[in-house]
């Protein structure tokens, strides 16, 4: 059984950011960080239900299904041609 570690609390920490670490060239660099934060806040305000979220995900999967099936069919055709050529 794992015990959860308690976060250390510092008396002088008020949650403010002193230096912006979003530096060009770093792997986490995001030039539009403020815009993305604003978009994220707007999305949280939408209050999408679980059922609506599942419907959106299903719609996205159904949109990509023809491309996925085409790729699988092309792979199968190539494998059949290779099998016929080597036989």
Protein backbone atom coordinates (compact mmCIF):
# COMPACT_ATOMS: atom_id res chain seq x y z
CA UNK A 1 0.00 0.00 0.00
CA UNK A 2 1.48 3.27 -1.11
CA UNK A 3 1.09 6.32 1.01
CA UNK A 4 0.46 9.55 -0.81
CA UNK A 5 3.07 12.16 -0.21
CA UNK A 6 1.97 15.48 1.14
CA UNK A 7 2.96 18.53 -0.87
CA UNK A 8 5.35 20.76 0.92
CA UNK A 9 3.88 24.08 1.80
CA UNK A 10 6.09 27.11 2.06
CA UNK A 11 5.11 30.15 4.07
CA UNK A 12 6.50 32.59 1.50
CA UNK A 13 4.86 30.96 -1.55
CA UNK A 14 1.84 32.89 -2.80
CA UNK A 15 1.57 31.13 -6.20
CA UNK A 16 2.86 33.97 -8.38
CA UNK A 17 5.28 33.37 -11.23
CA UNK A 18 8.43 35.44 -10.87
CA UNK A 19 10.15 34.56 -14.15
CA UNK A 20 8.50 33.41 -17.37
CA UNK A 21 10.15 30.10 -18.29
CA UNK A 22 8.59 30.03 -21.76
CA UNK A 23 11.94 30.56 -23.50
CA UNK A 24 12.50 30.19 -27.25
CA UNK A 25 14.45 27.02 -28.01
CA UNK A 26 13.21 25.00 -25.06
CA UNK A 27 11.13 21.85 -25.70
CA UNK A 28 8.12 23.30 -23.87
CA UNK A 29 8.25 26.66 -25.71
CA UNK A 30 4.82 27.87 -26.74
CA UNK A 31 4.71 31.29 -28.45
CA UNK A 32 0.92 31.57 -28.01
CA UNK A 33 0.72 30.53 -24.36
CA UNK A 34 -1.58 33.37 -23.32
CA UNK A 35 -3.95 32.70 -26.23
CA UNK A 36 -4.03 28.98 -25.44
CA UNK A 37 -4.74 29.67 -21.77
CA UNK A 38 -7.63 31.91 -22.79
CA UNK A 39 -9.02 29.24 -25.15
CA UNK A 40 -8.74 26.64 -22.40
CA UNK A 41 -10.70 28.85 -20.00
CA UNK A 42 -13.44 29.37 -22.61
CA UNK A 43 -13.67 25.61 -23.19
CA UNK A 44 -14.03 24.98 -19.46
CA UNK A 45 -16.89 27.47 -19.35
CA UNK A 46 -18.89 25.46 -21.93
CA UNK A 47 -19.84 22.80 -19.36
CA UNK A 48 -20.05 19.88 -21.81
CA UNK A 49 -21.76 16.82 -20.36
CA UNK A 50 -20.19 13.37 -20.43
CA UNK A 51 -22.74 12.19 -23.01
CA UNK A 52 -21.96 15.14 -25.32
CA UNK A 53 -18.24 14.54 -24.95
CA UNK A 54 -18.63 10.86 -25.91
CA UNK A 55 -20.75 11.86 -28.91
CA UNK A 56 -18.02 14.25 -30.09
CA UNK A 57 -15.34 11.60 -29.71
CA UNK A 58 -17.46 9.06 -31.60
CA UNK A 59 -18.02 11.60 -34.38
CA UNK A 60 -14.27 12.19 -34.67
CA UNK A 61 -13.62 8.43 -34.88
CA UNK A 62 -16.28 8.03 -37.55
CA UNK A 63 -14.76 10.90 -39.53
CA UNK A 64 -11.35 9.19 -39.55
CA UNK A 65 -12.73 5.68 -40.20
CA UNK A 66 -12.69 5.86 -44.06
CA UNK A 67 -9.04 6.98 -44.10
CA UNK A 68 -8.08 4.25 -41.63
CA UNK A 69 -9.87 1.56 -43.62
CA UNK A 70 -8.24 2.78 -46.84
CA UNK A 71 -4.79 2.54 -45.26
CA UNK A 72 -5.53 -0.97 -43.96
CA UNK A 73 -6.86 -2.05 -47.38
CA UNK A 74 -3.75 -0.68 -49.12
CA UNK A 75 -1.54 -2.56 -46.67
CA UNK A 76 -3.43 -5.81 -47.27
CA UNK A 77 -3.23 -5.38 -51.06
CA UNK A 78 0.51 -4.77 -50.89
CA UNK A 79 0.98 -7.83 -48.69
CA UNK A 80 -1.05 -9.97 -51.13
CA UNK A 81 1.00 -8.71 -54.09
CA UNK A 82 4.22 -9.49 -52.26
CA UNK A 83 2.93 -12.98 -51.37
CA UNK A 84 1.96 -13.62 -55.02
CA UNK A 85 5.27 -12.31 -56.32
CA UNK A 86 7.33 -14.47 -53.97
CA UNK A 87 5.25 -17.62 -54.48
